[in-house]
Protein backbone atom coordinates (compact mmCIF):
# COMPACT_ATOMS: atom_id res chain seq x y z
CA UNK A 1 -171.58 -50.88 29.79
CA UNK A 2 -174.58 -50.21 32.14
CA UNK A 3 -172.92 -52.13 34.91
CA UNK A 4 -169.49 -50.67 34.51
CA UNK A 5 -171.14 -47.04 34.80
CA UNK A 6 -173.38 -48.16 37.72
CA UNK A 7 -170.42 -49.62 39.04
CA UNK A 8 -168.21 -46.58 38.98
CA UNK A 9 -171.27 -44.28 40.10
CA UNK A 10 -171.15 -46.65 43.20
CA UNK A 11 -167.09 -46.55 44.04
CA UNK A 12 -166.27 -42.97 43.51
CA UNK A 13 -169.02 -41.71 46.29
CA UNK A 14 -167.98 -44.86 48.39
CA UNK A 15 -164.13 -43.89 48.09
CA UNK A 16 -164.88 -40.36 48.99
CA UNK A 17 -167.35 -41.38 51.89
CA UNK A 18 -164.46 -43.87 53.44
CA UNK A 19 -161.80 -40.85 53.13
CA UNK A 20 -164.13 -38.07 54.56
CA UNK A 21 -165.56 -40.27 57.27
CA UNK A 22 -162.72 -39.47 59.43
CA UNK A 23 -161.61 -35.77 58.96
CA UNK A 24 -158.51 -36.32 61.14
CA UNK A 25 -157.14 -39.28 59.24
CA UNK A 26 -157.93 -37.47 56.03
CA UNK A 27 -155.69 -34.59 57.04
CA UNK A 28 -153.17 -36.44 57.95
CA UNK A 29 -152.99 -38.55 54.80
CA UNK A 30 -153.12 -35.49 52.85
CA UNK A 31 -150.33 -33.68 54.69
CA UNK A 32 -148.18 -36.83 54.08
CA UNK A 33 -148.69 -36.67 50.57
CA UNK A 34 -147.90 -33.15 50.25
CA UNK A 35 -144.71 -33.61 52.46
CA UNK A 36 -143.80 -36.43 49.98
CA UNK A 37 -144.34 -34.25 47.05
CA UNK A 38 -142.58 -31.05 48.50
CA UNK A 39 -139.63 -33.38 49.17
CA UNK A 40 -139.69 -34.94 45.50
CA UNK A 41 -140.39 -31.24 44.23
CA UNK A 42 -137.51 -29.78 46.11
CA UNK A 43 -135.01 -32.79 45.27
CA UNK A 44 -135.82 -32.24 41.59
CA UNK A 45 -135.52 -28.76 41.89
CA UNK A 46 -132.33 -28.69 42.89
CA UNK A 47 -131.37 -31.19 40.56
CA UNK A 48 -132.58 -28.56 37.97
CA UNK A 49 -130.52 -25.67 39.65
CA UNK A 50 -127.51 -27.95 39.40
CA UNK A 51 -128.03 -29.25 35.92
CA UNK A 52 -129.99 -26.49 34.08
CA UNK A 53 -128.54 -23.51 36.01
CA UNK A 54 -124.92 -24.37 34.65
CA UNK A 55 -125.86 -24.25 31.03
CA UNK A 56 -127.01 -20.44 31.16
CA UNK A 57 -123.91 -19.66 29.50
CA UNK A 58 -124.09 -22.29 26.93
CA UNK A 59 -127.76 -21.13 25.85
CA UNK A 60 -126.30 -17.58 25.79
CA UNK A 61 -123.85 -18.38 22.85
CA UNK A 62 -124.63 -17.32 19.21
CA UNK A 63 -123.53 -18.82 16.15
CA UNK A 64 -124.16 -22.60 14.77
CA UNK A 65 -121.73 -25.01 16.30
CA UNK A 66 -119.42 -24.85 19.41
CA UNK A 67 -115.87 -26.02 19.75
CA UNK A 68 -114.32 -27.25 23.01
CA UNK A 69 -111.38 -29.12 24.01
CA UNK A 70 -112.34 -32.83 24.10
CA UNK A 71 -110.24 -33.34 27.52
CA UNK A 72 -113.31 -31.03 29.25
CA UNK A 73 -116.32 -32.60 30.08
CA UNK A 74 -117.65 -29.73 31.45
CA UNK A 75 -116.89 -25.79 31.35
CA UNK A 76 -116.11 -25.64 34.56
CA UNK A 77 -112.81 -27.12 34.02
CA UNK A 78 -110.43 -24.59 33.07
CA UNK A 79 -109.20 -26.68 29.87
CA UNK A 80 -108.50 -25.03 27.00
CA UNK A 81 -107.16 -25.73 23.09
CA UNK A 82 -104.96 -23.83 20.66
CA UNK A 83 -106.43 -20.84 18.90
CA UNK A 84 -104.56 -22.41 15.70
CA UNK A 85 -107.37 -24.50 15.52
CA UNK A 86 -110.14 -22.02 14.91
CA UNK A 87 -107.95 -20.66 11.74
CA UNK A 88 -108.01 -24.54 10.55
CA UNK A 89 -112.10 -24.64 11.18
CA UNK A 90 -112.45 -21.14 9.48
CA UNK A 91 -111.06 -22.66 5.98
CA UNK A 92 -114.05 -25.44 6.12
CA UNK A 93 -116.53 -24.97 3.25
CA UNK A 94 -119.34 -23.42 5.04
CA UNK A 95 -118.05 -21.78 7.65
CA UNK A 96 -118.52 -17.80 7.68
CA UNK A 97 -116.64 -17.05 10.64
CA UNK A 98 -115.13 -18.39 13.89
CA UNK A 99 -114.75 -16.44 17.07
CA UNK A 100 -112.68 -17.41 20.01
CA UNK A 101 -114.20 -17.04 23.50
CA UNK A 102 -111.73 -16.75 26.77
CA UNK A 103 -113.43 -18.20 30.20
CA UNK A 104 -111.58 -17.40 33.43
CA UNK A 105 -112.28 -16.67 37.01
CA UNK A 106 -111.05 -13.23 38.70
CA UNK A 107 -111.18 -11.85 42.10
CA UNK A 108 -114.00 -9.18 42.32
CA UNK A 109 -114.37 -6.41 45.09
CA UNK A 110 -117.75 -5.42 46.17
CA UNK A 111 -117.59 -1.60 45.50
CA UNK A 112 -119.53 -0.33 48.63
CA UNK A 113 -116.20 -1.73 50.21
CA UNK A 114 -113.98 0.76 48.69
CA UNK A 115 -115.60 3.51 50.12
CA UNK A 116 -115.67 2.65 53.70
CA UNK A 117 -113.63 4.57 56.40
CA UNK A 118 -110.13 4.29 56.41
CA UNK A 119 -110.09 3.05 60.27
CA UNK A 120 -108.58 0.12 61.10
CA UNK A 121 -111.62 -1.99 61.66
CA UNK A 122 -112.88 -1.20 58.25
CA UNK A 123 -109.26 -2.01 56.68
CA UNK A 124 -109.71 -5.30 58.29
CA UNK A 125 -113.40 -5.77 56.51
CA UNK A 126 -112.12 -4.67 53.53
CA UNK A 127 -109.09 -7.32 53.23
CA UNK A 128 -111.62 -9.85 53.78
CA UNK A 129 -113.86 -8.46 51.28
CA UNK A 130 -111.05 -8.47 48.78
CA UNK A 131 -110.90 -12.17 48.72
CA UNK A 132 -113.41 -15.15 48.14
CA UNK A 133 -115.52 -13.46 45.62
CA UNK A 134 -114.95 -14.56 42.28
CA UNK A 135 -116.73 -13.59 39.23
CA UNK A 136 -116.51 -15.74 35.94
CA UNK A 137 -115.21 -13.61 33.23
CA UNK A 138 -116.25 -14.26 29.45
CA UNK A 139 -113.95 -12.52 26.97
CA UNK A 140 -114.47 -12.21 23.49
CA UNK A 141 -114.14 -9.73 20.38
CA UNK A 142 -116.92 -7.46 20.67
CA UNK A 143 -116.76 -6.71 16.60
CA UNK A 144 -117.78 -10.48 16.25
CA UNK A 145 -121.39 -9.78 17.30
CA UNK A 146 -122.70 -13.39 16.50
CA UNK A 147 -120.85 -14.87 19.83
CA UNK A 148 -123.54 -13.80 22.39
CA UNK A 149 -127.37 -13.82 21.07
CA UNK A 150 -128.26 -12.10 24.40
CA UNK A 151 -130.05 -8.86 23.26
CA UNK A 152 -128.89 -6.90 26.26
CA UNK A 153 -125.17 -7.75 25.29
CA UNK A 154 -125.64 -7.25 21.53
CA UNK A 155 -126.82 -3.39 22.43
CA UNK A 156 -123.91 -2.76 24.32
CA UNK A 157 -121.02 -4.12 22.69
CA UNK A 158 -119.80 -0.91 21.62
CA UNK A 159 -119.32 -0.13 25.40
CA UNK A 160 -116.55 -2.87 25.91
CA UNK A 161 -114.19 -1.15 23.76
CA UNK A 162 -113.38 1.38 26.20
CA UNK A 163 -110.45 0.41 28.51
CA UNK A 164 -111.26 -1.70 31.71
CA UNK A 165 -115.01 -1.54 30.97
CA UNK A 166 -117.40 -4.69 31.52
CA UNK A 167 -121.02 -5.84 31.72
CA UNK A 168 -121.92 -6.80 34.90
CA UNK A 169 -124.55 -9.60 35.50
CA UNK A 170 -127.72 -8.59 37.32
CA UNK A 171 -128.27 -11.85 38.58
CA UNK A 172 -125.22 -12.08 40.43
CA UNK A 173 -125.20 -12.88 44.14
CA UNK A 174 -125.34 -9.80 46.56
CA UNK A 175 -121.78 -10.52 47.97
CA UNK A 176 -120.50 -8.86 44.72
CA UNK A 177 -122.29 -5.74 45.36
CA UNK A 178 -125.54 -3.66 44.13
CA UNK A 179 -124.12 -2.73 41.17
CA UNK A 180 -127.50 -2.86 39.18
CA UNK A 181 -129.22 -0.08 41.27
CA UNK A 182 -125.95 1.94 41.28
CA UNK A 183 -126.10 2.18 37.33
CA UNK A 184 -129.48 3.55 37.62
CA UNK A 185 -128.09 6.60 39.36
CA UNK A 186 -124.77 6.64 37.41
CA UNK A 187 -123.25 5.69 33.93
CA UNK A 188 -120.68 3.48 35.58
CA UNK A 189 -119.63 1.91 38.86
CA UNK A 190 -115.85 1.54 39.73
CA UNK A 191 -114.44 -1.26 41.56
CA UNK A 192 -111.49 -3.55 41.35
CA UNK A 193 -111.05 -6.96 39.64
CA UNK A 194 -107.67 -8.70 40.35
CA UNK A 195 -106.68 -5.80 41.99
CA UNK A 196 -107.19 -3.57 38.89
CA UNK A 197 -109.46 -0.73 38.40
CA UNK A 198 -112.61 -1.69 36.66
CA UNK A 199 -115.71 -0.08 35.50
CA UNK A 200 -118.96 -1.91 35.32
CA UNK A 201 -120.71 0.30 32.11
CA UNK A 202 -123.80 -2.23 31.72
CA UNK A 203 -126.06 -4.93 32.83
CA UNK A 204 -126.91 -8.24 31.18
CA UNK A 205 -128.90 -11.39 32.75
CA UNK A 206 -127.60 -14.76 33.00
CA UNK A 207 -127.51 -15.87 36.27
CA UNK A 208 -124.88 -17.48 39.03
CA UNK A 209 -124.41 -21.13 39.43
CA UNK A 210 -123.30 -23.36 42.06
CA UNK A 211 -119.53 -22.52 41.07
CA UNK A 212 -119.90 -18.97 40.06
CA UNK A 213 -121.41 -15.91 42.17
CA UNK A 214 -121.76 -14.14 39.16
CA UNK A 215 -120.53 -13.09 35.44
CA UNK A 216 -118.82 -10.31 33.79
CA UNK A 217 -118.55 -9.88 30.08
CA UNK A 218 -115.25 -7.93 28.67
CA UNK A 219 -113.52 -7.43 25.39
CA UNK A 220 -110.68 -9.60 24.43
CA UNK A 221 -108.28 -6.74 24.12
CA UNK A 222 -108.92 -5.93 27.85
CA UNK A 223 -108.58 -9.41 28.65
CA UNK A 224 -105.25 -9.30 27.17
CA UNK A 225 -103.92 -6.27 28.84
CA UNK A 226 -104.96 -8.02 31.94
CA UNK A 227 -103.68 -11.32 31.64
CA UNK A 228 -100.88 -11.12 28.96
CA UNK A 229 -100.87 -11.55 25.27
CA UNK A 230 -100.38 -15.35 25.99
CA UNK A 231 -104.00 -15.73 27.33
CA UNK A 232 -105.18 -15.08 23.72
CA UNK A 233 -103.25 -18.12 22.50
CA UNK A 234 -105.47 -20.56 23.75
CA UNK A 235 -109.42 -20.61 23.87
CA UNK A 236 -111.99 -22.41 26.19
CA UNK A 237 -114.78 -21.91 23.32
CA UNK A 238 -114.68 -21.52 19.68
CA UNK A 239 -118.20 -19.98 18.22
CA UNK A 240 -118.83 -21.17 14.56
CA UNK A 241 -120.85 -19.34 12.36
CA UNK A 242 -122.01 -20.83 9.21
CA UNK A 243 -122.95 -19.46 5.81
CA UNK A 244 -126.62 -19.01 4.86
CA UNK A 245 -127.93 -22.23 3.40
CA UNK A 246 -125.03 -24.30 4.83
CA UNK A 247 -126.16 -27.86 6.26
CA UNK A 248 -125.18 -27.91 9.74
CA UNK A 249 -124.89 -31.72 10.03
CA UNK A 250 -122.32 -31.75 6.97
CA UNK A 251 -120.09 -28.82 8.38
CA UNK A 252 -120.13 -30.50 11.90
CA UNK A 253 -118.88 -33.83 9.93
CA UNK A 254 -116.28 -32.10 8.14
CA UNK A 255 -114.81 -30.06 11.40
CA UNK A 256 -114.77 -33.32 13.26
CA UNK A 257 -113.07 -35.07 10.39
CA UNK A 258 -110.47 -32.01 9.73
CA UNK A 259 -109.76 -31.03 13.46
CA UNK A 260 -107.58 -32.75 15.61
CA UNK A 261 -108.94 -35.34 18.19
CA UNK A 262 -108.38 -32.60 20.90
CA UNK A 263 -111.03 -30.64 19.72
CA UNK A 264 -114.88 -31.94 19.80
CA UNK A 265 -117.56 -30.08 17.79
CA UNK A 266 -121.14 -29.94 19.25
CA UNK A 267 -124.46 -28.31 18.27
CA UNK A 268 -126.06 -25.90 20.91
CA UNK A 269 -128.38 -28.82 21.97
CA UNK A 270 -125.40 -31.34 22.12
CA UNK A 271 -123.42 -29.20 24.33
CA UNK A 272 -126.00 -28.38 26.86
CA UNK A 273 -127.03 -32.30 27.19
CA UNK A 274 -123.31 -32.99 27.55
CA UNK A 275 -123.21 -30.61 30.46
CA UNK A 276 -126.42 -31.55 31.98
CA UNK A 277 -125.16 -35.11 32.04
CA UNK A 278 -121.98 -34.42 33.37
CA UNK A 279 -123.45 -32.85 36.31
CA UNK A 280 -126.22 -35.62 36.85
CA UNK A 281 -123.44 -38.05 36.96
CA UNK A 282 -121.43 -36.23 39.52
CA UNK A 283 -121.89 -37.42 43.46
CA UNK A 284 -124.22 -34.37 44.24
CA UNK A 285 -126.71 -35.25 41.12
CA UNK A 286 -127.16 -38.88 42.19
CA UNK A 287 -127.52 -37.63 45.88
CA UNK A 288 -130.58 -35.80 44.81
CA UNK A 289 -131.91 -38.37 42.74
CA UNK A 290 -131.80 -40.57 45.54
CA UNK A 291 -133.74 -38.11 47.59
CA UNK A 292 -136.34 -37.85 45.20
CA UNK A 293 -136.67 -41.69 45.44
CA UNK A 294 -136.57 -41.19 49.48
CA UNK A 295 -139.70 -38.90 48.96
CA UNK A 296 -141.38 -41.52 46.84
CA UNK A 297 -140.71 -44.30 49.41
CA UNK A 298 -141.87 -42.04 52.38
CA UNK A 299 -145.16 -41.37 50.40
CA UNK A 300 -145.66 -44.98 49.92
CA UNK A 301 -145.51 -45.72 53.72
CA UNK A 302 -147.33 -43.05 54.85
CA UNK A 303 -150.30 -43.98 52.51
CA UNK A 304 -150.22 -47.27 53.10
CA UNK A 305 -150.49 -47.04 56.85
CA UNK A 306 -153.52 -44.69 56.38
CA UNK A 307 -155.22 -47.05 53.85
CA UNK A 308 -154.47 -49.93 55.49
CA UNK A 309 -156.04 -48.35 58.90
CA UNK A 310 -158.84 -47.43 56.80
CA UNK A 311 -159.45 -51.14 55.48
CA UNK A 312 -158.91 -52.70 58.92
CA UNK A 313 -161.67 -50.37 60.39
CA UNK A 314 -164.15 -50.88 57.71
CA UNK A 315 -163.52 -54.78 57.54
CA UNK A 316 -166.94 -55.66 58.43
CA UNK A 317 -168.55 -53.13 55.56
CA UNK A 318 -165.97 -54.76 52.91
CA UNK A 319 -167.15 -58.07 54.04
CA UNK A 320 -170.95 -57.33 53.59
CA UNK A 321 -170.26 -56.07 50.20
CA UNK A 322 -168.26 -59.16 49.55
CA UNK A 323 -171.16 -61.34 50.80
CA UNK A 324 -173.34 -59.20 48.08
CA UNK A 325 -171.54 -60.36 45.39
CA UNK A 326 -168.87 -57.48 44.77
CA UNK A 327 -165.40 -59.11 43.83
CA UNK A 328 -162.25 -58.66 45.02
CA UNK A 329 -161.27 -56.40 41.92
CA UNK A 330 -164.54 -54.21 42.60
CA UNK A 331 -163.24 -53.50 46.26
CA UNK A 332 -159.56 -52.85 45.23
CA UNK A 333 -160.75 -50.45 42.92
CA UNK A 334 -162.30 -48.45 45.73
CA UNK A 335 -159.12 -48.54 47.64
CA UNK A 336 -157.41 -47.54 44.55
CA UNK A 337 -159.55 -44.35 44.04
CA UNK A 338 -159.10 -43.53 47.57
CA UNK A 339 -155.34 -43.51 46.99
CA UNK A 340 -155.60 -41.37 43.87
CA UNK A 341 -158.09 -38.93 45.61
CA UNK A 342 -155.46 -38.52 48.46
CA UNK A 343 -152.78 -37.97 45.91
CA UNK A 344 -154.68 -35.30 44.00
CA UNK A 345 -155.47 -33.40 47.40
CA UNK A 346 -151.93 -33.71 48.64
CA UNK A 347 -150.41 -32.65 45.26
CA UNK A 348 -152.36 -29.43 45.04
CA UNK A 349 -150.74 -27.79 47.90
CA UNK A 350 -147.58 -29.69 47.69
CA UNK A 351 -147.25 -27.63 44.34
CA UNK A 352 -147.85 -24.45 45.60
CA UNK A 353 -145.74 -24.74 48.42
CA UNK A 354 -142.78 -26.18 46.46
CA UNK A 355 -143.39 -23.18 43.98
CA UNK A 356 -143.03 -20.91 46.93
CA UNK A 357 -139.67 -23.14 48.16
CA UNK A 358 -138.34 -22.41 44.18
CA UNK A 359 -138.79 -18.51 44.90
CA UNK A 360 -136.92 -18.53 47.92
CA UNK A 361 -134.06 -20.47 46.85
CA UNK A 362 -133.88 -17.90 43.88
CA UNK A 363 -133.96 -14.89 46.29
CA UNK A 364 -131.09 -16.67 48.64
CA UNK A 365 -128.72 -17.95 45.84
CA UNK A 366 -129.87 -15.99 42.68
CA UNK A 367 -129.55 -18.98 40.68
CA UNK A 368 -132.35 -19.21 38.14
CA UNK A 369 -134.91 -21.71 39.17
CA UNK A 370 -138.52 -22.16 38.09
CA UNK A 371 -141.43 -24.66 38.28
CA UNK A 372 -141.62 -26.34 34.81
CA UNK A 373 -144.19 -28.01 33.35
CA UNK A 374 -142.07 -31.30 32.98
CA UNK A 375 -141.27 -31.29 36.52
CA UNK A 376 -144.75 -30.99 37.88
CA UNK A 377 -145.93 -33.99 35.40
CA UNK A 378 -143.12 -36.09 36.33
CA UNK A 379 -143.94 -35.37 40.26
CA UNK A 380 -147.64 -36.03 39.41
CA UNK A 381 -147.21 -39.09 37.70
CA UNK A 382 -145.04 -40.38 40.47
CA UNK A 383 -147.86 -39.33 42.95
CA UNK A 384 -150.18 -41.54 41.38
CA UNK A 385 -147.93 -44.52 40.92
CA UNK A 386 -147.09 -43.83 44.89
CA UNK A 387 -150.61 -43.86 45.78
CA UNK A 388 -151.49 -46.90 43.58
CA UNK A 389 -148.55 -48.93 45.21
CA UNK A 390 -149.91 -48.11 48.43
CA UNK A 391 -153.50 -48.89 47.76
CA UNK A 392 -152.67 -52.28 46.11
CA UNK A 393 -150.33 -53.07 49.18
CA UNK A 394 -153.26 -51.91 51.70
CA UNK A 395 -155.79 -54.28 49.92
CA UNK A 396 -153.62 -57.39 50.95
CA UNK A 397 -155.80 -57.77 54.32
CA UNK A 398 -158.95 -57.15 52.23
CA UNK A 399 -158.41 -60.03 49.95
CA UNK A 400 -158.11 -62.34 52.80
CA UNK A 401 -161.08 -61.33 54.45
CA UNK A 402 -163.84 -63.92 54.74
CA UNK A 403 -167.51 -62.67 55.59
CA UNK A 404 -167.96 -65.91 57.46
CA UNK A 405 -165.17 -64.76 59.36
CA UNK A 406 -166.29 -61.45 59.97
CA UNK A 407 -169.80 -62.24 61.11
């Protein structure tokens, strides 16, 4: 034990002394690790934006179980199922209520463009603004209060009973208009949705996605007036509320048995996991994962070059230590400690720089993205592994060094 403590006491100062001896090389190595960390953080952050950002609607749903079409691997596909299946689900023992949710997209006009002067140039800008801005429309019966569990939505459900009234997502992209600020000065904001007058009467927070610039919530009654009564015959989702005391696994099994194969039954966790797995398997998800690997490899190469140069420059000193009786393993630990020190020194600025990049992406895209502890731990572990690999490779020359050859 005393030998190990003595060795440890010797190795840690030596590792730091080797690194700090040449300040420029230390700065270059730290910058390289920092760059590799930022690259990995950015790729994993974009992957989180792609996967977790698309599940904000899933996380906002209430109830206990969710019904979706079996032919729809993701909610981004406009695949619905007959509403008649919801009546079958409501007859299952343990089910208290089932509510349909209708999801579509609609053209949205920035309200500020409606008040532009009526000259030819303004008309051109208005016509351009009338197209290309789409919102995701979420419709359901506001009397079925269990459909959405967002407190803001729960409090404002009575407002949706007004004709042409909608709730607007305050986290929508700026192209859709500065409606949140306008609602602080007036009770409603008038705009056009699918060329029909629409009143934004309240706000909620959900967040935009890669595919949707923003969200609005509307009552199923107003939805039918705009799209026809036939639009209510098929639902994109079915939110199932269970009776108090009902076992969710038992009811889920009964629903799967009684309902046609065209309908799948998920818990909230299963639906979210299914959506994330779909996006991770898509080309963009694979590209971002590959980008993380590239950042890892770049860090390995940079650190290897630095550590190899350090070993080469101090080969005589290492040979002296070997002649004094230090084993290759003891000197390998010194190099590995150098690598870990560089990893920690590069990780800290890389972490804070990545937090700034995340905040910038949120500002530019309005897509929710936060630095999660799981991502930080994952990158830190990758950094330590990256540094250990670099250190192990760099000691190849050290293991082959013979004190007799050096002197």
